[in-house]
């Protein structure tokens, strides 16, 4: 359960980097009264969210951003930025001495 003060990883559009930010407010709603949308991305990933969830999108210049509600996203028109974590194969392991600097 998300609580005020917890830190979540997010994308900071001002610095154009990921960072941890403290949760300022938690708004709990009855999900049965919420209209949901499933957004499918070109790589096959799917996201489920409330239709009124704000999505920050970048302008064509990639510098300025604007907000669109998830229910107003349009295929072929909008693109989302997402953090993608992938596994990378280990290619080598070497035992180091206790004195790493020498």
PDB file of N, CA and C in Angstrom:
ATOM      1  N   UNK A   1       0.837  -1.174   0.000  1.00  0.00           N
ATOM      2  CA  UNK A   1       0.000   0.000   0.000  1.00  0.00           C
ATOM      3  C   UNK A   1       0.888   1.246   0.000  1.00  0.00           C
ATOM      4  N   UNK A   2       0.603   2.153  -0.881  1.00  0.00           N
ATOM      5  CA  UNK A   2       1.370   3.390  -1.003  1.00  0.00           C
ATOM      6  C   UNK A   2       0.991   4.358   0.114  1.00  0.00           C
ATOM      7  N   UNK A   3       2.003   4.963   0.738  1.00  0.00           N
ATOM      8  CA  UNK A   3       1.759   5.895   1.835  1.00  0.00           C
ATOM      9  C   UNK A   3       2.537   7.188   1.625  1.00  0.00           C
ATOM     10  N   UNK A   4       2.007   8.271   2.179  1.00  0.00           N
ATOM     11  CA  UNK A   4       2.678   9.571   2.122  1.00  0.00           C
ATOM     12  C   UNK A   4       4.065   9.433   2.747  1.00  0.00           C
ATOM     13  N   UNK A   5       5.061  10.001   2.089  1.00  0.00           N
ATOM     14  CA  UNK A   5       6.434   9.954   2.577  1.00  0.00           C
ATOM     15  C   UNK A   5       7.266   8.860   1.945  1.00  0.00           C
ATOM     16  N   UNK A   6       6.608   7.814   1.413  1.00  0.00           N
ATOM     17  CA  UNK A   6       7.372   6.785   0.710  1.00  0.00           C
ATOM     18  C   UNK A   6       7.996   7.401  -0.526  1.00  0.00           C
ATOM     19  N   UNK A   7       9.080   6.789  -0.981  1.00  0.00           N
ATOM     20  CA  UNK A   7       9.766   7.298  -2.168  1.00  0.00           C
ATOM     21  C   UNK A   7       9.500   6.358  -3.333  1.00  0.00           C
ATOM     22  N   UNK A   8       9.164   6.935  -4.474  1.00  0.00           N
ATOM     23  CA  UNK A   8       8.892   6.158  -5.681  1.00  0.00           C
ATOM     24  C   UNK A   8       9.826   6.624  -6.795  1.00  0.00           C
ATOM     25  N   UNK A   9      10.202   5.691  -7.656  1.00  0.00           N
ATOM     26  CA  UNK A   9      11.054   6.021  -8.789  1.00  0.00           C
ATOM     27  C   UNK A   9      10.193   6.624  -9.882  1.00  0.00           C
ATOM     28  N   UNK A  10      10.597   7.779 -10.376  1.00  0.00           N
ATOM     29  CA  UNK A  10       9.817   8.453 -11.410  1.00  0.00           C
ATOM     30  C   UNK A  10      10.765   9.121 -12.412  1.00  0.00           C
ATOM     31  N   UNK A  11      10.191   9.575 -13.492  1.00  0.00           N
ATOM     32  CA  UNK A  11      10.968  10.283 -14.504  1.00  0.00           C
ATOM     33  C   UNK A  11      10.750  11.771 -14.305  1.00  0.00           C
ATOM     34  N   UNK A  12      11.820  12.509 -14.095  1.00  0.00           N
ATOM     35  CA  UNK A  12      11.758  13.956 -13.905  1.00  0.00           C
ATOM     36  C   UNK A  12      11.942  14.621 -15.265  1.00  0.00           C
ATOM     37  N   UNK A  13      10.878  15.215 -15.770  1.00  0.00           N
ATOM     38  CA  UNK A  13      10.933  15.823 -17.100  1.00  0.00           C
ATOM     39  C   UNK A  13      11.797  17.086 -17.130  1.00  0.00           C
ATOM     40  N   UNK A  14      12.012  17.713 -15.982  1.00  0.00           N
ATOM     41  CA  UNK A  14      12.864  18.904 -15.952  1.00  0.00           C
ATOM     42  C   UNK A  14      14.336  18.534 -16.117  1.00  0.00           C
ATOM     43  N   UNK A  15      14.776  17.507 -15.391  1.00  0.00           N
ATOM     44  CA  UNK A  15      16.180  17.095 -15.493  1.00  0.00           C
ATOM     45  C   UNK A  15      16.385  16.006 -16.543  1.00  0.00           C
ATOM     46  N   UNK A  16      15.292  15.489 -17.087  1.00  0.00           N
ATOM     47  CA  UNK A  16      15.312  14.420 -18.095  1.00  0.00           C
ATOM     48  C   UNK A  16      16.076  13.191 -17.584  1.00  0.00           C
ATOM     49  N   UNK A  17      15.791  12.829 -16.326  1.00  0.00           N
ATOM     50  CA  UNK A  17      16.437  11.674 -15.707  1.00  0.00           C
ATOM     51  C   UNK A  17      15.478  11.036 -14.706  1.00  0.00           C
ATOM     52  N   UNK A  18      15.751   9.787 -14.342  1.00  0.00           N
ATOM     53  CA  UNK A  18      14.946   9.148 -13.306  1.00  0.00           C
ATOM     54  C   UNK A  18      15.467   9.582 -11.948  1.00  0.00           C
ATOM     55  N   UNK A  19      14.554   9.655 -10.986  1.00  0.00           N
ATOM     56  CA  UNK A  19      14.938  10.007  -9.624  1.00  0.00           C
ATOM     57  C   UNK A  19      13.859   9.516  -8.672  1.00  0.00           C
ATOM     58  N   UNK A  20      14.208   9.425  -7.406  1.00  0.00           N
ATOM     59  CA  UNK A  20      13.229   9.065  -6.392  1.00  0.00           C
ATOM     60  C   UNK A  20      12.574  10.339  -5.875  1.00  0.00           C
ATOM     61  N   UNK A  21      11.269  10.287  -5.713  1.00  0.00           N
ATOM     62  CA  UNK A  21      10.523  11.429  -5.195  1.00  0.00           C
ATOM     63  C   UNK A  21       9.604  10.941  -4.078  1.00  0.00           C
ATOM     64  N   UNK A  22       9.424  11.775  -3.069  1.00  0.00           N
ATOM     65  CA  UNK A  22       8.550  11.421  -1.954  1.00  0.00           C
ATOM     66  C   UNK A  22       7.087  11.597  -2.354  1.00  0.00           C
ATOM     67  N   UNK A  23       6.259  10.654  -1.947  1.00  0.00           N
ATOM     68  CA  UNK A  23       4.820  10.736  -2.200  1.00  0.00           C
ATOM     69  C   UNK A  23       4.261  11.853  -1.333  1.00  0.00           C
ATOM     70  N   UNK A  24       3.573  12.797  -1.949  1.00  0.00           N
ATOM     71  CA  UNK A  24       3.020  13.950  -1.239  1.00  0.00           C
ATOM     72  C   UNK A  24       1.587  13.714  -0.773  1.00  0.00           C
ATOM     73  N   UNK A  25       0.835  12.938  -1.550  1.00  0.00           N
ATOM     74  CA  UNK A  25      -0.582  12.740  -1.245  1.00  0.00           C
ATOM     75  C   UNK A  25      -1.029  11.407  -1.835  1.00  0.00           C
ATOM     76  N   UNK A  26      -1.916  10.724  -1.126  1.00  0.00           N
ATOM     77  CA  UNK A  26      -2.496   9.478  -1.619  1.00  0.00           C
ATOM     78  C   UNK A  26      -4.003   9.661  -1.661  1.00  0.00           C
ATOM     79  N   UNK A  27      -4.586   9.426  -2.819  1.00  0.00           N
ATOM     80  CA  UNK A  27      -6.028   9.572  -3.005  1.00  0.00           C
ATOM     81  C   UNK A  27      -6.601   8.197  -3.325  1.00  0.00           C
ATOM     82  N   UNK A  28      -7.333   7.615  -2.387  1.00  0.00           N
ATOM     83  CA  UNK A  28      -7.895   6.280  -2.562  1.00  0.00           C
ATOM     84  C   UNK A  28      -9.327   6.414  -3.065  1.00  0.00           C
ATOM     85  N   UNK A  29      -9.604   5.722  -4.174  1.00  0.00           N
ATOM     86  CA  UNK A  29     -10.941   5.754  -4.759  1.00  0.00           C
ATOM     87  C   UNK A  29     -11.495   4.345  -4.853  1.00  0.00           C
ATOM     88  N   UNK A  30     -12.798   4.231  -4.935  1.00  0.00           N
ATOM     89  CA  UNK A  30     -13.456   2.946  -5.144  1.00  0.00           C
ATOM     90  C   UNK A  30     -13.268   2.548  -6.603  1.00  0.00           C
ATOM     91  N   UNK A  31     -12.452   1.533  -6.840  1.00  0.00           N
ATOM     92  CA  UNK A  31     -12.117   1.129  -8.208  1.00  0.00           C
ATOM     93  C   UNK A  31     -13.326   0.639  -8.988  1.00  0.00           C
ATOM     94  N   UNK A  32     -14.366   0.195  -8.301  1.00  0.00           N
ATOM     95  CA  UNK A  32     -15.553  -0.289  -9.019  1.00  0.00           C
ATOM     96  C   UNK A  32     -16.315   0.853  -9.674  1.00  0.00           C
ATOM     97  N   UNK A  33     -16.083   2.070  -9.221  1.00  0.00           N
ATOM     98  CA  UNK A  33     -16.757   3.236  -9.796  1.00  0.00           C
ATOM     99  C   UNK A  33     -15.875   3.960 -10.809  1.00  0.00           C
ATOM    100  N   UNK A  34     -14.704   3.414 -11.072  1.00  0.00           N
ATOM    101  CA  UNK A  34     -13.749   4.043 -11.979  1.00  0.00           C
ATOM    102  C   UNK A  34     -13.782   3.365 -13.332  1.00  0.00           C
ATOM    103  N   UNK A  35     -13.741   4.163 -14.390  1.00  0.00           N
ATOM    104  CA  UNK A  35     -13.646   3.603 -15.734  1.00  0.00           C
ATOM    105  C   UNK A  35     -12.171   3.389 -16.046  1.00  0.00           C
ATOM    106  N   UNK A  36     -11.835   2.200 -16.567  1.00  0.00           N
ATOM    107  CA  UNK A  36     -10.453   1.822 -16.827  1.00  0.00           C
ATOM    108  C   UNK A  36     -10.188   1.719 -18.314  1.00  0.00           C
ATOM    109  N   UNK A  37      -8.920   1.880 -18.684  1.00  0.00           N
ATOM    110  CA  UNK A  37      -8.487   1.737 -20.068  1.00  0.00           C
ATOM    111  C   UNK A  37      -7.220   0.881 -20.069  1.00  0.00           C
ATOM    112  N   UNK A  38      -7.060   0.068 -21.109  1.00  0.00           N
ATOM    113  CA  UNK A  38      -5.815  -0.674 -21.293  1.00  0.00           C
ATOM    114  C   UNK A  38      -5.118  -0.094 -22.503  1.00  0.00           C
ATOM    115  N   UNK A  39      -3.898   0.373 -22.309  1.00  0.00           N
ATOM    116  CA  UNK A  39      -3.103   0.980 -23.375  1.00  0.00           C
ATOM    117  C   UNK A  39      -2.059  -0.042 -23.814  1.00  0.00           C
ATOM    118  N   UNK A  40      -2.001  -0.322 -25.112  1.00  0.00           N
ATOM    119  CA  UNK A  40      -1.010  -1.253 -25.649  1.00  0.00           C
ATOM    120  C   UNK A  40       0.048  -0.464 -26.402  1.00  0.00           C
ATOM    121  N   UNK A  41       1.313  -0.713 -26.072  1.00  0.00           N
ATOM    122  CA  UNK A  41       2.432  -0.023 -26.712  1.00  0.00           C
ATOM    123  C   UNK A  41       2.956  -0.841 -27.888  1.00  0.00           C
ATOM    124  N   UNK A  42       3.731  -0.209 -28.741  1.00  0.00           N
ATOM    125  CA  UNK A  42       4.212  -0.858 -29.964  1.00  0.00           C
ATOM    126  C   UNK A  42       5.109  -2.065 -29.694  1.00  0.00           C
ATOM    127  N   UNK A  43       5.700  -2.150 -28.484  1.00  0.00           N
ATOM    128  CA  UNK A  43       6.543  -3.307 -28.158  1.00  0.00           C
ATOM    129  C   UNK A  43       5.750  -4.437 -27.506  1.00  0.00           C
ATOM    130  N   UNK A  44       4.425  -4.279 -27.444  1.00  0.00           N
ATOM    131  CA  UNK A  44       3.562  -5.310 -26.877  1.00  0.00           C
ATOM    132  C   UNK A  44       3.234  -5.117 -25.412  1.00  0.00           C
ATOM    133  N   UNK A  45       3.894  -4.194 -24.736  1.00  0.00           N
ATOM    134  CA  UNK A  45       3.616  -3.931 -23.326  1.00  0.00           C
ATOM    135  C   UNK A  45       2.220  -3.344 -23.184  1.00  0.00           C
ATOM    136  N   UNK A  46       1.533  -3.705 -22.109  1.00  0.00           N
ATOM    137  CA  UNK A  46       0.212  -3.143 -21.844  1.00  0.00           C
ATOM    138  C   UNK A  46       0.204  -2.471 -20.477  1.00  0.00           C
ATOM    139  N   UNK A  47      -0.552  -1.403 -20.372  1.00  0.00           N
ATOM    140  CA  UNK A  47      -0.698  -0.647 -19.133  1.00  0.00           C
ATOM    141  C   UNK A  47      -2.183  -0.498 -18.852  1.00  0.00           C
ATOM    142  N   UNK A  48      -2.606  -0.772 -17.626  1.00  0.00           N
ATOM    143  CA  UNK A  48      -3.994  -0.570 -17.234  1.00  0.00           C
ATOM    144  C   UNK A  48      -4.039   0.582 -16.251  1.00  0.00           C
ATOM    145  N   UNK A  49      -4.926   1.529 -16.523  1.00  0.00           N
ATOM    146  CA  UNK A  49      -5.031   2.702 -15.658  1.00  0.00           C
ATOM    147  C   UNK A  49      -6.414   3.318 -15.783  1.00  0.00           C
ATOM    148  N   UNK A  50      -6.728   4.193 -14.859  1.00  0.00           N
ATOM    149  CA  UNK A  50      -7.998   4.912 -14.919  1.00  0.00           C
ATOM    150  C   UNK A  50      -7.996   5.834 -16.131  1.00  0.00           C
ATOM    151  N   UNK A  51      -9.165   6.022 -16.737  1.00  0.00           N
ATOM    152  CA  UNK A  51      -9.246   6.866 -17.937  1.00  0.00           C
ATOM    153  C   UNK A  51      -8.837   8.304 -17.646  1.00  0.00           C
ATOM    154  N   UNK A  52      -8.992   8.747 -16.388  1.00  0.00           N
ATOM    155  CA  UNK A  52      -8.626  10.131 -16.067  1.00  0.00           C
ATOM    156  C   UNK A  52      -7.193  10.262 -15.551  1.00  0.00           C
ATOM    157  N   UNK A  53      -6.403   9.178 -15.606  1.00  0.00           N
ATOM    158  CA  UNK A  53      -5.010   9.231 -15.141  1.00  0.00           C
ATOM    159  C   UNK A  53      -4.203  10.168 -16.041  1.00  0.00           C
ATOM    160  N   UNK A  54      -3.504  11.154 -15.457  1.00  0.00           N
ATOM    161  CA  UNK A  54      -2.719  12.085 -16.278  1.00  0.00           C
ATOM    162  C   UNK A  54      -1.440  11.435 -16.810  1.00  0.00           C
ATOM    163  N   UNK A  55      -1.214  11.573 -18.105  1.00  0.00           N
ATOM    164  CA  UNK A  55      -0.022  11.050 -18.763  1.00  0.00           C
ATOM    165  C   UNK A  55       0.759  12.238 -19.314  1.00  0.00           C
ATOM    166  N   UNK A  56       2.009  12.367 -18.908  1.00  0.00           N
ATOM    167  CA  UNK A  56       2.853  13.459 -19.390  1.00  0.00           C
ATOM    168  C   UNK A  56       3.530  13.026 -20.683  1.00  0.00           C
ATOM    169  N   UNK A  57       3.311  13.774 -21.735  1.00  0.00           N
ATOM    170  CA  UNK A  57       3.861  13.472 -23.058  1.00  0.00           C
ATOM    171  C   UNK A  57       4.813  14.575 -23.488  1.00  0.00           C
ATOM    172  N   UNK A  58       5.787  14.221 -24.310  1.00  0.00           N
ATOM    173  CA  UNK A  58       6.742  15.206 -24.827  1.00  0.00           C
ATOM    174  C   UNK A  58       6.262  15.734 -26.167  1.00  0.00           C
ATOM    175  N   UNK A  59       6.466  17.042 -26.400  1.00  0.00           N
ATOM    176  CA  UNK A  59       6.204  17.628 -27.718  1.00  0.00           C
ATOM    177  C   UNK A  59       7.176  17.048 -28.725  1.00  0.00           C
ATOM    178  N   UNK A  60       6.960  17.369 -29.984  1.00  0.00           N
ATOM    179  CA  UNK A  60       7.837  16.876 -31.048  1.00  0.00           C
ATOM    180  C   UNK A  60       9.285  17.298 -30.840  1.00  0.00           C
ATOM    181  N   UNK A  61       9.503  18.461 -30.194  1.00  0.00           N
ATOM    182  CA  UNK A  61      10.871  18.922 -29.958  1.00  0.00           C
ATOM    183  C   UNK A  61      11.558  18.137 -28.841  1.00  0.00           C
ATOM    184  N   UNK A  62      10.781  17.362 -28.075  1.00  0.00           N
ATOM    185  CA  UNK A  62      11.339  16.558 -26.995  1.00  0.00           C
ATOM    186  C   UNK A  62      11.716  17.349 -25.767  1.00  0.00           C
ATOM    187  N   UNK A  63      11.505  18.656 -25.793  1.00  0.00           N
ATOM    188  CA  UNK A  63      11.888  19.517 -24.679  1.00  0.00           C
ATOM    189  C   UNK A  63      10.679  19.880 -23.824  1.00  0.00           C
ATOM    190  N   UNK A  64       9.602  20.259 -24.464  1.00  0.00           N
ATOM    191  CA  UNK A  64       8.398  20.679 -23.757  1.00  0.00           C
ATOM    192  C   UNK A  64       7.454  19.498 -23.586  1.00  0.00           C
ATOM    193  N   UNK A  65       6.658  19.539 -22.528  1.00  0.00           N
ATOM    194  CA  UNK A  65       5.731  18.442 -22.288  1.00  0.00           C
ATOM    195  C   UNK A  65       4.332  18.979 -22.040  1.00  0.00           C
ATOM    196  N   UNK A  66       3.372  18.092 -22.193  1.00  0.00           N
ATOM    197  CA  UNK A  66       1.982  18.425 -21.935  1.00  0.00           C
ATOM    198  C   UNK A  66       1.292  17.187 -21.385  1.00  0.00           C
ATOM    199  N   UNK A  67       0.131  17.364 -20.777  1.00  0.00           N
ATOM    200  CA  UNK A  67      -0.569  16.261 -20.127  1.00  0.00           C
ATOM    201  C   UNK A  67      -1.815  15.892 -20.913  1.00  0.00           C
ATOM    202  N   UNK A  68      -2.008  14.582 -21.074  1.00  0.00           N
ATOM    203  CA  UNK A  68      -3.202  14.029 -21.710  1.00  0.00           C
ATOM    204  C   UNK A  68      -3.762  12.984 -20.756  1.00  0.00           C
ATOM    205  N   UNK A  69      -5.063  12.933 -20.594  1.00  0.00           N
ATOM    206  CA  UNK A  69      -5.692  11.886 -19.789  1.00  0.00           C
ATOM    207  C   UNK A  69      -5.586  10.563 -20.535  1.00  0.00           C
ATOM    208  N   UNK A  70      -5.382   9.474 -19.810  1.00  0.00           N
ATOM    209  CA  UNK A  70      -5.169   8.162 -20.433  1.00  0.00           C
ATOM    210  C   UNK A  70      -6.282   7.806 -21.409  1.00  0.00           C
ATOM    211  N   UNK A  71      -7.501   8.155 -21.110  1.00  0.00           N
ATOM    212  CA  UNK A  71      -8.623   7.852 -21.992  1.00  0.00           C
ATOM    213  C   UNK A  71      -8.601   8.635 -23.284  1.00  0.00           C
ATOM    214  N   UNK A  72      -7.765   9.673 -23.350  1.00  0.00           N
ATOM    215  CA  UNK A  72      -7.661  10.498 -24.561  1.00  0.00           C
ATOM    216  C   UNK A  72      -6.422  10.180 -25.392  1.00  0.00           C
ATOM    217  N   UNK A  73      -5.635   9.181 -24.987  1.00  0.00           N
ATOM    218  CA  UNK A  73      -4.480   8.771 -25.790  1.00  0.00           C
ATOM    219  C   UNK A  73      -4.967   8.216 -27.122  1.00  0.00           C
ATOM    220  N   UNK A  74      -4.217   8.479 -28.188  1.00  0.00           N
ATOM    221  CA  UNK A  74      -4.613   8.025 -29.523  1.00  0.00           C
ATOM    222  C   UNK A  74      -3.497   7.207 -30.167  1.00  0.00           C
ATOM    223  N   UNK A  75      -3.839   5.980 -30.629  1.00  0.00           N
ATOM    224  CA  UNK A  75      -2.856   5.144 -31.324  1.00  0.00           C
ATOM    225  C   UNK A  75      -2.301   5.865 -32.553  1.00  0.00           C
ATOM    226  N   UNK A  76      -0.991   5.763 -32.744  1.00  0.00           N
ATOM    227  CA  UNK A  76      -0.348   6.378 -33.896  1.00  0.00           C
ATOM    228  C   UNK A  76      -0.084   7.860 -33.733  1.00  0.00           C
ATOM    229  N   UNK A  77      -0.640   8.463 -32.689  1.00  0.00           N
ATOM    230  CA  UNK A  77      -0.462   9.898 -32.443  1.00  0.00           C
ATOM    231  C   UNK A  77       0.454  10.125 -31.244  1.00  0.00           C
ATOM    232  N   UNK A  78       0.224   9.390 -30.175  1.00  0.00           N
ATOM    233  CA  UNK A  78       0.968   9.584 -28.934  1.00  0.00           C
ATOM    234  C   UNK A  78       1.993   8.478 -28.719  1.00  0.00           C
ATOM    235  N   UNK A  79       3.089   8.829 -28.050  1.00  0.00           N
ATOM    236  CA  UNK A  79       4.125   7.881 -27.637  1.00  0.00           C
ATOM    237  C   UNK A  79       4.427   8.128 -26.166  1.00  0.00           C
ATOM    238  N   UNK A  80       4.649   7.051 -25.415  1.00  0.00           N
ATOM    239  CA  UNK A  80       4.960   7.161 -23.995  1.00  0.00           C
ATOM    240  C   UNK A  80       6.421   6.831 -23.744  1.00  0.00           C
ATOM    241  N   UNK A  81       7.017   7.519 -22.780  1.00  0.00           N
ATOM    242  CA  UNK A  81       8.351   7.161 -22.312  1.00  0.00           C
ATOM    243  C   UNK A  81       8.161   6.170 -21.180  1.00  0.00           C
ATOM    244  N   UNK A  82       8.982   5.117 -21.174  1.00  0.00           N
ATOM    245  CA  UNK A  82       8.900   4.186 -20.056  1.00  0.00           C
ATOM    246  C   UNK A  82      10.276   3.647 -19.730  1.00  0.00           C
ATOM    247  N   UNK A  83      10.480   3.394 -18.449  1.00  0.00           N
ATOM    248  CA  UNK A  83      11.723   2.806 -17.979  1.00  0.00           C
ATOM    249  C   UNK A  83      11.650   1.312 -18.248  1.00  0.00           C
ATOM    250  N   UNK A  84      12.624   0.798 -18.942  1.00  0.00           N
ATOM    251  CA  UNK A  84      12.620  -0.617 -19.293  1.00  0.00           C
ATOM    252  C   UNK A  84      13.836  -1.286 -18.659  1.00  0.00           C
ATOM    253  N   UNK A  85      13.582  -2.254 -17.809  1.00  0.00           N
ATOM    254  CA  UNK A  85      14.644  -3.003 -17.161  1.00  0.00           C
ATOM    255  C   UNK A  85      14.780  -4.338 -17.885  1.00  0.00           C
ATOM    256  N   UNK A  86      15.978  -4.643 -18.329  1.00  0.00           N
ATOM    257  CA  UNK A  86      16.210  -5.887 -19.059  1.00  0.00           C
ATOM    258  C   UNK A  86      17.356  -6.659 -18.417  1.00  0.00           C
ATOM    259  N   UNK A  87      17.335  -7.974 -18.560  1.00  0.00           N
ATOM    260  CA  UNK A  87      18.431  -8.791 -18.051  1.00  0.00           C
ATOM    261  C   UNK A  87      19.593  -8.752 -19.028  1.00  0.00           C
ATOM    262  N   UNK A  88      20.792  -8.691 -18.469  1.00  0.00           N
ATOM    263  CA  UNK A  88      22.011  -8.679 -19.276  1.00  0.00           C
ATOM    264  C   UNK A  88      22.870  -9.849 -18.817  1.00  0.00           C
ATOM    265  N   UNK A  89      23.342 -10.655 -19.745  1.00  0.00           N
ATOM    266  CA  UNK A  89      24.122 -11.848 -19.437  1.00  0.00           C
ATOM    267  C   UNK A  89      25.477 -11.492 -18.834  1.00  0.00           C
ATOM    268  N   UNK A  90      25.869 -12.227 -17.809  1.00  0.00           N
ATOM    269  CA  UNK A  90      27.199 -12.090 -17.213  1.00  0.00           C
ATOM    270  C   UNK A  90      28.200 -12.735 -18.161  1.00  0.00           C
ATOM    271  N   UNK A  91      29.253 -12.019 -18.525  1.00  0.00           N
ATOM    272  CA  UNK A  91      30.245 -12.562 -19.461  1.00  0.00           C
ATOM    273  C   UNK A  91      31.566 -12.918 -18.796  1.00  0.00           C
ATOM    274  N   UNK A  92      31.794 -12.440 -17.555  1.00  0.00           N
ATOM    275  CA  UNK A  92      33.059 -12.737 -16.894  1.00  0.00           C
ATOM    276  C   UNK A  92      32.932 -12.441 -15.412  1.00  0.00           C
ATOM    277  N   UNK A  93      33.599 -13.235 -14.580  1.00  0.00           N
ATOM    278  CA  UNK A  93      33.687 -12.991 -13.143  1.00  0.00           C
ATOM    279  C   UNK A  93      35.122 -13.256 -12.736  1.00  0.00           C
ATOM    280  N   UNK A  94      35.754 -12.279 -12.068  1.00  0.00           N
ATOM    281  CA  UNK A  94      37.138 -12.443 -11.633  1.00  0.00           C
ATOM    282  C   UNK A  94      37.224 -12.154 -10.148  1.00  0.00           C
ATOM    283  N   UNK A  95      37.913 -13.033  -9.418  1.00  0.00           N
ATOM    284  CA  UNK A  95      38.126 -12.848  -7.996  1.00  0.00           C
ATOM    285  C   UNK A  95      39.197 -11.784  -7.800  1.00  0.00           C
ATOM    286  N   UNK A  96      38.897 -10.784  -6.992  1.00  0.00           N
ATOM    287  CA  UNK A  96      39.848  -9.702  -6.717  1.00  0.00           C
ATOM    288  C   UNK A  96      40.495  -9.924  -5.362  1.00  0.00           C
ATOM    289  N   UNK A  97      41.655  -9.346  -5.165  1.00  0.00           N
ATOM    290  CA  UNK A  97      42.325  -9.441  -3.867  1.00  0.00           C
ATOM    291  C   UNK A  97      41.581  -8.572  -2.867  1.00  0.00           C
ATOM    292  N   UNK A  98      41.864  -8.788  -1.563  1.00  0.00           N
ATOM    293  CA  UNK A  98      41.232  -7.977  -0.524  1.00  0.00           C
ATOM    294  C   UNK A  98      41.624  -6.518  -0.640  1.00  0.00           C
ATOM    295  N   UNK A  99      42.803  -6.248  -1.174  1.00  0.00           N
ATOM    296  CA  UNK A  99      43.279  -4.891  -1.366  1.00  0.00           C
ATOM    297  C   UNK A  99      42.950  -4.493  -2.803  1.00  0.00           C
ATOM    298  N   UNK A 100      41.748  -3.987  -3.012  1.00  0.00           N
ATOM    299  CA  UNK A 100      41.260  -3.687  -4.353  1.00  0.00           C
ATOM    300  C   UNK A 100      42.128  -2.647  -5.042  1.00  0.00           C
ATOM    301  N   UNK A 101      42.674  -1.694  -4.280  1.00  0.00           N
ATOM    302  CA  UNK A 101      43.463  -0.627  -4.903  1.00  0.00           C
ATOM    303  C   UNK A 101      44.851  -1.100  -5.327  1.00  0.00           C
ATOM    304  N   UNK A 102      45.311  -2.232  -4.854  1.00  0.00           N
ATOM    305  CA  UNK A 102      46.666  -2.644  -5.177  1.00  0.00           C
ATOM    306  C   UNK A 102      46.703  -3.988  -5.717  1.00  0.00           C
TER     307      UNK A 102
END
